[in-house]
Amino acid sequence: MPIIPLILLGASAWTHGPDEFGLKPGTERVYQTTTGAEREKLQKSKVVGQTRAQGMDVFDIKMENGRHQFFGVSPEGLFQFYVSDMQGTTLDKDSAPVPVLLKNKRAGQSWEWVEPFRGQTSGGPGAKELDWERLKTHCKATLVSVDEKVTVPAGTFVTWHVTVQRHSEDLGDSRQETWIAPGTGIVKQTSAQGEWKSSTVLVSRE
């Protein structure tokens, strides 16, 4: 698999279409994820389809484990859509997607949104009534840099660096950092919640 060359940022990096974030159908990637237990796992993915939802092009990425991720591209930026089933295979076209990267933001600027609780709950006699407001997650993303160099196994990239702070009254706090290269997409992502940590890096793309 080829090594991806250094990609330079600039005003011309903002295009519109499947190549903007490396989402052209047929594109394959390999990522390596390391958890807090220092366990490393390789995960293959492939862009297997394209559709329309909420006025934008949405690209279907099938993971090696059978689950899917859905990313939307619009003139406003890059968005991640939810899945509508527990198997993680079906696009949720109705819920507002997560704004991963907004084009109208400069380094140091932020944007916010609220994520509803989408997990499973247990019921039955004596079960405590859930407070859905306390389960909501309040999110604040900040564009840290528009030209940060990052080196991963796939090569060295100049990236947009975005951090996301999440807070839920019942679920606690977490932090996620994402490095996105134009023409390639996400090349690195880290997550942390309490003592739990994980890091995912791009190994190859073709």
Protein backbone atom coordinates (compact mmCIF):
# COMPACT_ATOMS: atom_id res chain seq x y z
CA MET A 1 0.00 0.00 0.00
CA PRO A 2 1.36 3.44 -0.88
CA ILE A 3 2.64 5.96 1.64
CA ILE A 4 0.53 9.11 1.56
CA PRO A 5 2.59 12.23 0.82
CA LEU A 6 2.55 15.48 2.74
CA ILE A 7 -0.54 17.51 1.89
CA LEU A 8 -0.34 21.30 2.20
CA LEU A 9 -3.17 23.45 3.47
CA GLY A 10 -4.41 26.66 1.97
CA ALA A 11 -7.53 28.37 0.74
CA SER A 12 -7.56 26.05 -2.27
CA ALA A 13 -7.80 23.03 0.07
CA TRP A 14 -11.52 23.71 0.48
CA THR A 15 -13.20 21.95 -2.40
CA HIS A 16 -16.60 20.30 -2.41
CA GLY A 17 -17.19 16.67 -3.19
CA PRO A 18 -16.03 13.16 -2.26
CA ASP A 19 -12.33 14.04 -2.64
CA GLU A 20 -12.54 16.87 -0.10
CA PHE A 21 -12.04 14.51 2.85
CA GLY A 22 -10.92 11.38 1.01
CA LEU A 23 -14.44 9.94 0.85
CA LYS A 24 -14.57 8.85 -2.78
CA PRO A 25 -16.45 5.51 -3.00
CA GLY A 26 -13.99 2.64 -3.20
CA THR A 27 -11.38 4.31 -0.98
CA GLU A 28 -9.90 1.84 1.50
CA ARG A 29 -8.10 2.64 4.75
CA VAL A 30 -6.37 0.79 7.55
CA TYR A 31 -6.36 2.30 11.04
CA GLN A 32 -4.53 1.18 14.16
CA THR A 33 -6.25 1.67 17.51
CA THR A 34 -4.48 1.49 20.86
CA THR A 35 -6.59 1.35 24.02
CA GLY A 36 -5.65 2.27 27.56
CA ALA A 37 -4.61 -1.34 28.07
CA GLU A 38 -1.96 -0.85 25.35
CA ARG A 39 -3.71 -3.34 23.11
CA GLU A 40 -3.23 -2.56 19.42
CA LYS A 41 -5.77 -3.53 16.80
CA LEU A 42 -5.83 -2.96 13.05
CA GLN A 43 -9.19 -2.11 11.49
CA LYS A 44 -9.86 -1.96 7.75
CA SER A 45 -12.55 0.25 6.27
CA LYS A 46 -13.92 1.01 2.83
CA VAL A 47 -16.18 3.73 1.41
CA VAL A 48 -18.96 1.56 0.00
CA GLY A 49 -21.66 4.02 -1.00
CA GLN A 50 -23.00 7.53 -1.32
CA THR A 51 -26.45 9.01 -0.74
CA ARG A 52 -28.16 12.31 0.13
CA ALA A 53 -29.51 13.42 3.50
CA GLN A 54 -30.32 16.82 4.97
CA GLY A 55 -29.09 18.61 1.87
CA MET A 56 -25.63 17.09 1.75
CA ASP A 57 -23.71 14.20 0.23
CA VAL A 58 -23.38 11.37 2.76
CA PHE A 59 -20.71 8.68 2.40
CA ASP A 60 -21.08 5.18 3.83
CA ILE A 61 -17.91 3.72 5.36
CA LYS A 62 -18.08 0.01 6.19
CA MET A 63 -15.75 -1.15 8.93
CA GLU A 64 -14.12 -4.58 9.06
CA ASN A 65 -16.27 -5.46 12.09
CA GLY A 66 -19.44 -4.96 10.03
CA ARG A 67 -20.45 -1.62 11.53
CA HIS A 68 -20.81 1.51 9.42
CA GLN A 69 -19.90 5.18 9.80
CA PHE A 70 -21.63 7.91 7.81
CA PHE A 71 -19.95 11.22 7.00
CA GLY A 72 -21.64 14.12 5.26
CA VAL A 73 -19.92 16.80 3.20
CA SER A 74 -21.52 20.16 2.48
CA PRO A 75 -20.37 23.71 1.71
CA GLU A 76 -20.46 24.23 5.51
CA GLY A 77 -17.97 21.46 6.33
CA LEU A 78 -17.69 17.84 7.50
CA PHE A 79 -20.45 16.16 9.53
CA GLN A 80 -20.89 12.73 11.09
CA PHE A 81 -24.35 11.15 11.00
CA TYR A 82 -25.78 8.77 13.59
CA VAL A 83 -26.85 5.20 12.91
CA SER A 84 -30.47 4.24 13.54
CA ASP A 85 -29.99 0.62 14.69
CA MET A 86 -28.00 -1.11 17.41
CA GLN A 87 -26.10 -3.12 14.79
CA GLY A 88 -24.63 0.12 13.47
CA THR A 89 -25.49 -0.49 9.83
CA THR A 90 -28.30 1.95 8.95
CA LEU A 91 -28.02 5.69 8.37
CA ASP A 92 -30.17 7.92 10.57
CA LYS A 93 -31.32 10.53 8.04
CA ASP A 94 -33.50 12.47 10.47
CA SER A 95 -31.33 13.36 13.47
CA ALA A 96 -29.07 16.40 13.24
CA PRO A 97 -25.52 15.22 12.43
CA VAL A 98 -22.46 16.10 14.51
CA PRO A 99 -20.48 19.07 13.07
CA VAL A 100 -16.95 17.63 12.93
CA LEU A 101 -15.32 20.57 11.12
CA LEU A 102 -16.87 23.89 10.07
CA LYS A 103 -15.34 25.86 7.23
CA ASN A 104 -16.31 29.30 8.54
CA LYS A 105 -14.21 28.90 11.71
CA ARG A 106 -10.71 30.23 12.23
CA ALA A 107 -8.06 28.88 14.59
CA GLY A 108 -9.16 29.47 18.16
CA GLN A 109 -12.88 29.65 17.37
CA SER A 110 -15.46 27.20 18.76
CA TRP A 111 -18.93 25.82 18.06
CA GLU A 112 -21.38 23.95 20.28
CA TRP A 113 -24.21 21.43 20.06
CA VAL A 114 -26.15 18.99 22.25
CA GLU A 115 -26.20 15.24 21.72
CA PRO A 116 -29.26 13.28 22.95
CA PHE A 117 -28.75 10.03 24.83
CA ARG A 118 -28.71 7.19 22.30
CA GLY A 119 -27.67 4.22 24.44
CA GLN A 120 -29.67 1.30 25.79
CA THR A 121 -31.65 1.43 29.03
CA SER A 122 -32.86 -1.34 31.33
CA GLY A 123 -36.48 -1.38 32.46
CA GLY A 124 -38.67 -3.62 34.55
CA PRO A 125 -40.37 -3.45 37.95
CA GLY A 126 -38.65 -1.04 40.31
CA ALA A 127 -36.51 0.52 37.59
CA LYS A 128 -35.59 4.13 38.24
CA GLU A 129 -37.19 6.67 35.92
CA LEU A 130 -34.53 8.23 33.73
CA ASP A 131 -33.89 11.95 33.62
CA TRP A 132 -33.32 12.48 29.90
CA GLU A 133 -32.06 16.02 30.41
CA ARG A 134 -29.26 14.77 32.65
CA LEU A 135 -28.33 12.18 30.05
CA LYS A 136 -27.89 14.75 27.29
CA THR A 137 -24.31 15.56 26.35
CA HIS A 138 -23.27 19.19 25.85
CA CYS A 139 -20.44 19.44 23.34
CA LYS A 140 -17.98 22.23 22.58
CA ALA A 141 -15.56 21.92 19.66
CA THR A 142 -12.57 24.21 19.16
CA LEU A 143 -10.48 24.55 16.01
CA VAL A 144 -7.02 24.52 17.60
CA SER A 145 -4.99 24.88 14.41
CA VAL A 146 -5.44 24.95 10.64
CA ASP A 147 -1.89 23.91 9.77
CA GLU A 148 -0.64 21.48 12.41
CA LYS A 149 1.80 18.83 11.21
CA VAL A 150 1.15 15.32 12.48
CA THR A 151 3.06 12.13 11.66
CA VAL A 152 1.33 8.74 11.64
CA PRO A 153 2.33 5.42 10.05
CA ALA A 154 0.74 6.51 6.75
CA GLY A 155 2.99 9.58 6.50
CA THR A 156 3.21 13.23 7.56
CA PHE A 157 0.24 15.54 7.04
CA VAL A 158 -0.63 19.17 7.63
CA THR A 159 -3.98 19.07 9.36
CA TRP A 160 -6.91 20.82 10.93
CA HIS A 161 -6.74 20.02 14.65
CA VAL A 162 -10.10 19.95 16.42
CA THR A 163 -10.76 19.26 20.10
CA VAL A 164 -14.18 18.37 21.51
CA GLN A 165 -15.09 18.65 25.20
CA ARG A 166 -18.21 16.72 26.20
CA HIS A 167 -20.15 17.06 29.46
CA SER A 168 -23.16 15.13 30.74
CA GLU A 169 -24.64 15.43 34.21
CA ASP A 170 -25.02 11.65 34.47
CA LEU A 171 -22.39 10.33 32.05
CA GLY A 172 -19.51 12.61 33.05
CA ASP A 173 -16.86 14.42 31.01
CA SER A 174 -14.79 13.31 28.04
CA ARG A 175 -12.36 14.83 25.57
CA GLN A 176 -11.67 13.97 21.95
CA GLU A 177 -9.01 15.32 19.62
CA THR A 178 -9.13 14.86 15.85
CA TRP A 179 -6.57 15.68 13.16
CA ILE A 180 -8.07 16.02 9.65
CA ALA A 181 -6.02 16.32 6.46
CA PRO A 182 -7.58 17.82 3.31
CA GLY A 183 -7.98 15.23 0.60
CA THR A 184 -7.45 12.41 3.12
CA GLY A 185 -9.80 12.89 6.05
CA ILE A 186 -9.15 11.81 9.62
CA VAL A 187 -5.53 10.74 10.12
CA LYS A 188 -5.46 10.65 13.92
CA GLN A 189 -7.98 10.69 16.76
CA THR A 190 -7.58 10.39 20.53
CA SER A 191 -10.27 9.99 23.20
CA ALA A 192 -10.17 10.14 26.98
CA GLN A 193 -12.79 9.68 29.71
CA GLY A 194 -11.51 9.34 33.25
CA GLU A 195 -8.78 6.71 33.30
CA TRP A 196 -9.83 5.28 29.93
CA LYS A 197 -7.86 6.43 26.87
CA SER A 198 -7.59 5.41 23.23
CA SER A 199 -5.68 6.54 20.15
CA THR A 200 -6.38 5.77 16.49
CA VAL A 201 -3.96 6.52 13.65
CA LEU A 202 -4.06 6.04 9.89
CA VAL A 203 -1.73 3.26 8.72
CA SER A 204 -2.48 3.27 4.99
CA ARG A 205 -4.94 4.43 2.36
CA GLU A 206 -5.55 3.37 -1.22
